[in-house]
């Protein structure tokens, strides 16, 4: 028995998605597998209100199944509204969980600050930056990550904000660079991987997707990954 909790779908047309899902279902059943319909949930990404309204009357494979606004996929939180606020908050929480598991080392006064910093860079920071290379991060997201990290570093050094010690002094003491720089570094590293792929690779197709003809909502356009890279 094969149970599917969440399904991630990327296709250019809704009809194409339905057709591929039907082929997928028939293939699984021909091999003796069966989908657990009681566990199927779906997420719909509304890239355009106009597009959603035009297609809302059509019959889809997921009619009758519960709808979710977000779900976790490979450790990242995917939202239907294209925002990453929930994912950023989740990564910060995961970082704090790792920090607490190693608090015996981070809070030990007999461990040199430089060694604590090295341990932090190996254990905590990779957890906080997991999936960050694809984030269309805003300044507010950078600030949230920075605040969380500085709280950890000050705690490791046995200081609080009341001690009036600058962030730079704390970072130099533990030998940890700014998390903003690391966010930028991870995005540019992923950008290099994308550019080195073949022109027919799926990731290259996603990068070149055109959104012309879609209705724009009110307010400033949402920030996307290519804008972060520029």
Protein backbone atom coordinates (compact mmCIF):
# COMPACT_ATOMS: atom_id res chain seq x y z
CA UNK A 1 0.00 0.00 0.00
CA UNK A 2 1.44 3.40 -0.98
CA UNK A 3 0.27 6.45 0.96
CA UNK A 4 0.71 9.91 -0.52
CA UNK A 5 0.36 12.77 1.98
CA UNK A 6 1.29 15.68 -0.28
CA UNK A 7 1.74 16.10 -4.01
CA UNK A 8 3.76 18.86 -5.65
CA UNK A 9 2.62 19.65 -9.18
CA UNK A 10 4.35 21.89 -11.69
CA UNK A 11 2.79 22.04 -15.15
CA UNK A 12 2.02 24.65 -17.74
CA UNK A 13 -1.69 23.79 -18.10
CA UNK A 14 -4.31 22.42 -15.74
CA UNK A 15 -5.46 19.90 -18.33
CA UNK A 16 -1.91 18.60 -18.59
CA UNK A 17 -1.75 18.12 -14.82
CA UNK A 18 -4.99 16.12 -14.78
CA UNK A 19 -3.83 13.94 -17.67
CA UNK A 20 -0.45 13.20 -16.09
CA UNK A 21 -2.04 12.41 -12.74
CA UNK A 22 -4.41 9.93 -14.36
CA UNK A 23 -1.48 8.21 -16.08
CA UNK A 24 0.39 8.19 -12.77
CA UNK A 25 -2.58 6.63 -10.95
CA UNK A 26 -3.07 3.92 -13.58
CA UNK A 27 0.65 3.10 -13.57
CA UNK A 28 0.70 2.72 -9.78
CA UNK A 29 -2.37 0.49 -9.77
CA UNK A 30 -0.91 -1.69 -12.54
CA UNK A 31 2.08 -2.35 -10.24
CA UNK A 32 -0.09 -3.28 -7.29
CA UNK A 33 0.03 0.08 -5.49
CA UNK A 34 -3.02 1.98 -4.33
CA UNK A 35 -3.42 5.63 -3.36
CA UNK A 36 -4.91 6.37 0.04
CA UNK A 37 -7.58 8.92 -0.89
CA UNK A 38 -8.22 9.71 2.77
CA UNK A 39 -4.70 11.18 3.05
CA UNK A 40 -4.60 13.22 -0.17
CA UNK A 41 -4.50 16.99 0.23
CA UNK A 42 -3.72 19.63 -2.37
CA UNK A 43 -2.20 23.08 -2.60
CA UNK A 44 -3.16 25.56 -5.31
CA UNK A 45 -0.77 28.36 -6.22
CA UNK A 46 -2.73 31.43 -7.29
CA UNK A 47 -0.17 33.17 -9.47
CA UNK A 48 -2.91 35.36 -10.91
CA UNK A 49 -6.41 36.18 -9.72
CA UNK A 50 -7.54 36.43 -13.31
CA UNK A 51 -6.21 32.99 -14.14
CA UNK A 52 -7.90 31.53 -11.07
CA UNK A 53 -11.26 33.02 -12.00
CA UNK A 54 -11.11 31.77 -15.59
CA UNK A 55 -10.40 28.21 -14.51
CA UNK A 56 -12.43 27.95 -11.33
CA UNK A 57 -15.38 26.34 -13.09
CA UNK A 58 -13.47 23.41 -14.56
CA UNK A 59 -13.54 19.89 -13.10
CA UNK A 60 -10.28 18.81 -11.53
CA UNK A 61 -8.86 15.58 -10.17
CA UNK A 62 -8.76 17.04 -6.64
CA UNK A 63 -12.47 17.91 -6.41
CA UNK A 64 -13.69 16.89 -2.97
CA UNK A 65 -10.23 16.66 -1.37
CA UNK A 66 -9.20 19.01 1.49
CA UNK A 67 -7.25 22.08 0.44
CA UNK A 68 -4.19 23.44 2.27
CA UNK A 69 -2.68 26.91 2.19
CA UNK A 70 0.84 25.55 2.80
CA UNK A 71 2.70 22.30 3.37
CA UNK A 72 6.19 21.03 4.15
CA UNK A 73 8.13 19.49 1.27
CA UNK A 74 11.71 18.23 1.78
CA UNK A 75 12.09 20.40 4.88
CA UNK A 76 10.79 23.62 3.28
CA UNK A 77 7.40 25.28 3.76
CA UNK A 78 5.69 25.98 0.41
CA UNK A 79 2.90 28.59 0.41
CA UNK A 80 0.21 29.03 -2.21
CA UNK A 81 0.55 32.82 -2.07
CA UNK A 82 4.24 32.73 -3.17
CA UNK A 83 5.44 34.24 0.14
CA UNK A 84 8.32 32.77 2.20
CA UNK A 85 7.51 34.26 5.63
CA UNK A 86 6.37 30.91 7.02
CA UNK A 87 9.43 29.13 5.62
CA UNK A 88 11.80 31.71 7.14
CA UNK A 89 10.10 31.38 10.53
CA UNK A 90 10.29 27.59 10.27
CA UNK A 91 14.02 27.65 9.49
CA UNK A 92 14.71 29.97 12.44
CA UNK A 93 12.77 27.61 14.71
CA UNK A 94 14.73 24.64 13.37
CA UNK A 95 17.97 26.53 14.05
CA UNK A 96 16.95 27.20 17.65
CA UNK A 97 16.10 23.54 18.10
CA UNK A 98 19.62 22.58 16.98
CA UNK A 99 21.09 25.26 19.22
CA UNK A 100 19.25 23.92 22.27
CA UNK A 101 20.39 20.36 21.55
CA UNK A 102 24.00 21.61 21.64
CA UNK A 103 23.48 24.12 24.46
CA UNK A 104 25.74 22.05 26.70
CA UNK A 105 28.65 23.14 24.50
CA UNK A 106 27.45 26.65 23.63
CA UNK A 107 26.82 27.58 27.27
CA UNK A 108 29.97 25.95 28.69
CA UNK A 109 32.30 28.71 29.92
CA UNK A 110 35.27 26.37 29.64
CA UNK A 111 34.86 26.08 25.85
CA UNK A 112 36.71 28.85 23.94
CA UNK A 113 34.44 31.23 21.94
CA UNK A 114 36.32 30.42 18.73
CA UNK A 115 35.54 26.71 19.12
CA UNK A 116 31.91 27.51 19.85
CA UNK A 117 31.81 29.56 16.65
CA UNK A 118 33.21 26.67 14.59
CA UNK A 119 30.66 24.30 16.09
CA UNK A 120 27.88 26.81 15.40
CA UNK A 121 28.89 27.08 11.73
CA UNK A 122 28.76 23.29 11.34
CA UNK A 123 25.61 22.48 13.34
CA UNK A 124 23.26 25.47 13.57
CA UNK A 125 23.85 27.73 10.57
CA UNK A 126 23.33 25.03 7.86
CA UNK A 127 19.97 24.24 9.48
CA UNK A 128 18.89 27.89 9.38
CA UNK A 129 20.00 28.34 5.76
CA UNK A 130 18.53 25.12 4.39
CA UNK A 131 16.77 25.99 1.12
CA UNK A 132 17.69 29.68 1.45
CA UNK A 133 19.46 29.73 -1.93
CA UNK A 134 16.04 29.80 -3.64
CA UNK A 135 14.43 32.42 -1.40
CA UNK A 136 13.26 35.73 -2.90
CA UNK A 137 14.36 37.23 0.41
CA UNK A 138 13.35 40.75 1.43
CA UNK A 139 15.12 43.00 3.92
CA UNK A 140 12.58 41.98 6.56
CA UNK A 141 13.58 38.33 6.13
CA UNK A 142 17.28 39.19 6.37
CA UNK A 143 16.59 41.15 9.54
CA UNK A 144 14.68 38.25 11.15
CA UNK A 145 17.55 35.87 10.45
CA UNK A 146 20.09 38.39 11.70
CA UNK A 147 18.22 39.01 14.96
CA UNK A 148 17.88 35.28 15.65
CA UNK A 149 21.55 34.62 14.97
CA UNK A 150 22.78 37.50 17.13
CA UNK A 151 20.69 36.25 20.05
CA UNK A 152 22.42 32.88 19.72
CA UNK A 153 25.90 34.38 19.44
CA UNK A 154 25.42 36.74 22.40
CA UNK A 155 24.12 33.87 24.51
CA UNK A 156 27.19 31.79 23.54
CA UNK A 157 29.45 34.63 24.70
CA UNK A 158 27.52 35.15 27.93
CA UNK A 159 26.39 38.67 26.98
CA UNK A 160 23.05 40.44 26.54
CA UNK A 161 22.07 43.62 24.71
CA UNK A 162 22.30 45.47 28.03
CA UNK A 163 26.08 44.98 27.96
CA UNK A 164 26.25 47.44 25.03
CA UNK A 165 28.61 45.28 22.99
CA UNK A 166 28.32 45.76 19.22
CA UNK A 167 27.42 42.95 16.85
CA UNK A 168 30.80 43.24 15.13
CA UNK A 169 32.68 42.64 18.38
CA UNK A 170 30.54 39.57 19.11
CA UNK A 171 31.09 38.16 15.61
CA UNK A 172 34.83 38.74 15.77
CA UNK A 173 34.96 37.01 19.15
CA UNK A 174 33.37 33.79 17.83
CA UNK A 175 34.70 34.09 14.28
CA UNK A 176 31.29 34.03 12.56
CA UNK A 177 30.49 36.12 9.47
CA UNK A 178 27.17 37.92 8.98
CA UNK A 179 24.27 35.69 8.05
CA UNK A 180 23.25 38.28 5.44
CA UNK A 181 26.53 37.64 3.62
CA UNK A 182 25.93 33.90 3.81
CA UNK A 183 22.43 34.29 2.38
CA UNK A 184 23.87 36.24 -0.54
CA UNK A 185 26.64 33.67 -0.98
CA UNK A 186 24.22 30.73 -1.09
CA UNK A 187 21.97 32.48 -3.64
CA UNK A 188 24.90 33.25 -5.95
CA UNK A 189 26.24 29.70 -5.60
CA UNK A 190 22.87 28.30 -6.68
CA UNK A 191 22.75 30.85 -9.52
CA UNK A 192 26.06 29.43 -10.77
CA UNK A 193 24.69 25.87 -10.64
CA UNK A 194 21.62 26.93 -12.64
CA UNK A 195 23.65 28.70 -15.33
CA UNK A 196 25.88 25.66 -15.79
CA UNK A 197 22.93 23.35 -16.52
CA UNK A 198 21.86 22.37 -20.04
CA UNK A 199 19.40 24.66 -21.74
CA UNK A 200 16.74 21.90 -21.73
CA UNK A 201 17.07 21.18 -17.98
CA UNK A 202 13.81 21.67 -15.99
CA UNK A 203 15.41 24.29 -13.75
CA UNK A 204 16.31 26.36 -16.83
CA UNK A 205 12.74 26.13 -18.09
CA UNK A 206 11.45 27.36 -14.74
CA UNK A 207 13.83 30.31 -14.79
CA UNK A 208 12.58 31.37 -18.22
CA UNK A 209 8.85 31.03 -17.53
CA UNK A 210 6.99 34.06 -18.84
CA UNK A 211 4.24 35.67 -16.77
CA UNK A 212 3.02 38.04 -19.46
CA UNK A 213 -0.74 38.47 -19.72
CA UNK A 214 -1.41 37.80 -16.04
CA UNK A 215 -3.40 40.34 -14.08
CA UNK A 216 -1.37 42.29 -11.57
CA UNK A 217 -2.82 42.85 -8.11
CA UNK A 218 -2.72 46.06 -6.12
CA UNK A 219 0.48 47.35 -4.56
CA UNK A 220 4.14 46.71 -5.30
CA UNK A 221 4.93 43.59 -7.36
CA UNK A 222 6.16 40.62 -5.34
CA UNK A 223 9.90 40.13 -5.23
CA UNK A 224 11.16 37.11 -7.14
CA UNK A 225 14.42 35.17 -7.19
CA UNK A 226 15.87 36.77 -10.31
CA UNK A 227 15.44 40.21 -8.77
CA UNK A 228 17.37 39.09 -5.68
CA UNK A 229 20.25 37.89 -7.87
CA UNK A 230 20.43 41.20 -9.77
